[in-house]
Amino acid sequence: MGEVVVGFIAIVFKFIFRVFFILVAVPFGVFFVFLKFFPEFSGTADFWFFSSFFAILVLGYALLWRPIIWITGLSTILEIENS
């Protein structure tokens, strides 16, 4: 019984870590795209940079949210079935 509870807790922690990792990865991805394609614009770090960064970030989360949850959930389900 204890092994089942520990296994369930481990799966929940892995799921939470994966979602957290993705939540952090999207802003880094947007920032590095800005650095690669617009280096002068990214270096200023003024109002226009942060407003466009926030707009692209919200757009990225809106477009990628369902695939992120599907991939994370599917990998968690496959992990449960394999154990």
C-alpha atoms as a PDB file:
ATOM      1  CA  MET A   1       0.000   0.000   0.000  1.00  0.00           C
ATOM      2  CA  GLY A   2       2.822   2.391   0.849  1.00  0.00           C
ATOM      3  CA  GLU A   3       4.549   1.782  -2.493  1.00  0.00           C
ATOM      4  CA  VAL A   4       1.387   2.775  -4.340  1.00  0.00           C
ATOM      5  CA  VAL A   5       1.087   6.033  -2.404  1.00  0.00           C
ATOM      6  CA  VAL A   6       4.763   6.876  -2.929  1.00  0.00           C
ATOM      7  CA  GLY A   7       4.459   6.039  -6.627  1.00  0.00           C
ATOM      8  CA  PHE A   8       1.398   8.271  -6.960  1.00  0.00           C
ATOM      9  CA  ILE A   9       3.134  11.143  -5.173  1.00  0.00           C
ATOM     10  CA  ALA A  10       6.177  10.750  -7.443  1.00  0.00           C
ATOM     11  CA  ILE A  11       3.983  10.886 -10.555  1.00  0.00           C
ATOM     12  CA  VAL A  12       2.208  14.014  -9.297  1.00  0.00           C
ATOM     13  CA  PHE A  13       5.546  15.713  -8.555  1.00  0.00           C
ATOM     14  CA  LYS A  14       6.870  14.805 -12.002  1.00  0.00           C
ATOM     15  CA  PHE A  15       3.742  16.250 -13.622  1.00  0.00           C
ATOM     16  CA  ILE A  16       4.028  19.473 -11.611  1.00  0.00           C
ATOM     17  CA  PHE A  17       7.738  19.766 -12.465  1.00  0.00           C
ATOM     18  CA  ARG A  18       7.056  19.271 -16.174  1.00  0.00           C
ATOM     19  CA  VAL A  19       4.342  21.930 -16.227  1.00  0.00           C
ATOM     20  CA  PHE A  20       6.593  24.330 -14.282  1.00  0.00           C
ATOM     21  CA  PHE A  21       9.466  23.662 -16.684  1.00  0.00           C
ATOM     22  CA  ILE A  22       7.251  24.448 -19.658  1.00  0.00           C
ATOM     23  CA  LEU A  23       5.949  27.615 -18.001  1.00  0.00           C
ATOM     24  CA  VAL A  24       9.551  28.774 -17.645  1.00  0.00           C
ATOM     25  CA  ALA A  25      10.687  27.524 -21.064  1.00  0.00           C
ATOM     26  CA  VAL A  26       8.223  29.580 -23.131  1.00  0.00           C
ATOM     27  CA  PRO A  27       9.483  33.010 -21.925  1.00  0.00           C
ATOM     28  CA  PHE A  28      13.097  31.934 -22.427  1.00  0.00           C
ATOM     29  CA  GLY A  29      12.241  30.783 -25.947  1.00  0.00           C
ATOM     30  CA  VAL A  30      10.552  34.075 -26.798  1.00  0.00           C
ATOM     31  CA  PHE A  31      13.471  36.035 -25.360  1.00  0.00           C
ATOM     32  CA  PHE A  32      16.072  34.065 -27.321  1.00  0.00           C
ATOM     33  CA  VAL A  33      14.070  34.476 -30.533  1.00  0.00           C
ATOM     34  CA  PHE A  34      14.085  38.224 -29.891  1.00  0.00           C
ATOM     35  CA  LEU A  35      17.832  38.121 -29.247  1.00  0.00           C
ATOM     36  CA  LYS A  36      18.506  36.209 -32.441  1.00  0.00           C
ATOM     37  CA  PHE A  37      16.306  38.188 -34.837  1.00  0.00           C
ATOM     38  CA  PHE A  38      16.296  41.631 -33.179  1.00  0.00           C
ATOM     39  CA  PRO A  39      19.550  42.037 -31.210  1.00  0.00           C
ATOM     40  CA  GLU A  40      19.518  45.852 -31.129  1.00  0.00           C
ATOM     41  CA  PHE A  41      15.870  45.930 -30.105  1.00  0.00           C
ATOM     42  CA  SER A  42      16.439  43.337 -27.357  1.00  0.00           C
ATOM     43  CA  GLY A  43      19.489  45.142 -25.999  1.00  0.00           C
ATOM     44  CA  THR A  44      17.633  48.348 -25.232  1.00  0.00           C
ATOM     45  CA  ALA A  45      15.165  46.689 -22.817  1.00  0.00           C
ATOM     46  CA  ASP A  46      12.845  49.678 -22.894  1.00  0.00           C
ATOM     47  CA  PHE A  47       9.055  49.925 -22.836  1.00  0.00           C
ATOM     48  CA  TRP A  48       8.589  48.792 -26.442  1.00  0.00           C
ATOM     49  CA  PHE A  49      10.693  45.696 -25.931  1.00  0.00           C
ATOM     50  CA  PHE A  50       8.780  44.596 -22.844  1.00  0.00           C
ATOM     51  CA  SER A  51       5.381  45.399 -24.337  1.00  0.00           C
ATOM     52  CA  SER A  52       6.127  43.365 -27.474  1.00  0.00           C
ATOM     53  CA  PHE A  53       7.743  40.624 -25.362  1.00  0.00           C
ATOM     54  CA  PHE A  54       4.607  40.399 -23.213  1.00  0.00           C
ATOM     55  CA  ALA A  55       2.317  40.377 -26.278  1.00  0.00           C
ATOM     56  CA  ILE A  56       4.282  37.571 -27.963  1.00  0.00           C
ATOM     57  CA  LEU A  57       4.473  35.700 -24.661  1.00  0.00           C
ATOM     58  CA  VAL A  58       0.696  35.804 -24.172  1.00  0.00           C
ATOM     59  CA  LEU A  59       0.210  34.742 -27.789  1.00  0.00           C
ATOM     60  CA  GLY A  60       2.674  31.876 -27.317  1.00  0.00           C
ATOM     61  CA  TYR A  61       0.917  30.624 -24.194  1.00  0.00           C
ATOM     62  CA  ALA A  62      -2.484  30.934 -25.893  1.00  0.00           C
ATOM     63  CA  LEU A  63      -1.330  28.910 -28.885  1.00  0.00           C
ATOM     64  CA  LEU A  64       0.766  26.364 -26.999  1.00  0.00           C
ATOM     65  CA  TRP A  65      -1.260  25.774 -23.842  1.00  0.00           C
ATOM     66  CA  ARG A  66      -3.316  22.817 -25.062  1.00  0.00           C
ATOM     67  CA  PRO A  67      -0.393  21.030 -26.756  1.00  0.00           C
ATOM     68  CA  ILE A  68       1.698  21.575 -23.607  1.00  0.00           C
ATOM     69  CA  ILE A  69      -0.938  19.965 -21.386  1.00  0.00           C
ATOM     70  CA  TRP A  70      -1.581  17.161 -23.902  1.00  0.00           C
ATOM     71  CA  ILE A  71       2.095  16.257 -24.189  1.00  0.00           C
ATOM     72  CA  THR A  72       2.666  16.473 -20.444  1.00  0.00           C
ATOM     73  CA  GLY A  73      -0.461  14.481 -19.661  1.00  0.00           C
ATOM     74  CA  LEU A  74       0.293  11.875 -22.310  1.00  0.00           C
ATOM     75  CA  SER A  75       3.841  11.376 -21.066  1.00  0.00           C
ATOM     76  CA  THR A  76       2.496  11.019 -17.503  1.00  0.00           C
ATOM     77  CA  ILE A  77      -0.121   8.463 -18.613  1.00  0.00           C
ATOM     78  CA  LEU A  78       2.456   6.468 -20.559  1.00  0.00           C
ATOM     79  CA  GLU A  79       4.738   6.518 -17.516  1.00  0.00           C
ATOM     80  CA  ILE A  80       1.911   5.178 -15.338  1.00  0.00           C
ATOM     81  CA  GLU A  81       1.160   2.360 -17.795  1.00  0.00           C
ATOM     82  CA  ASN A  82       4.821   1.363 -18.076  1.00  0.00           C
ATOM     83  CA  SER A  83       5.383   1.135 -14.322  1.00  0.00           C
END
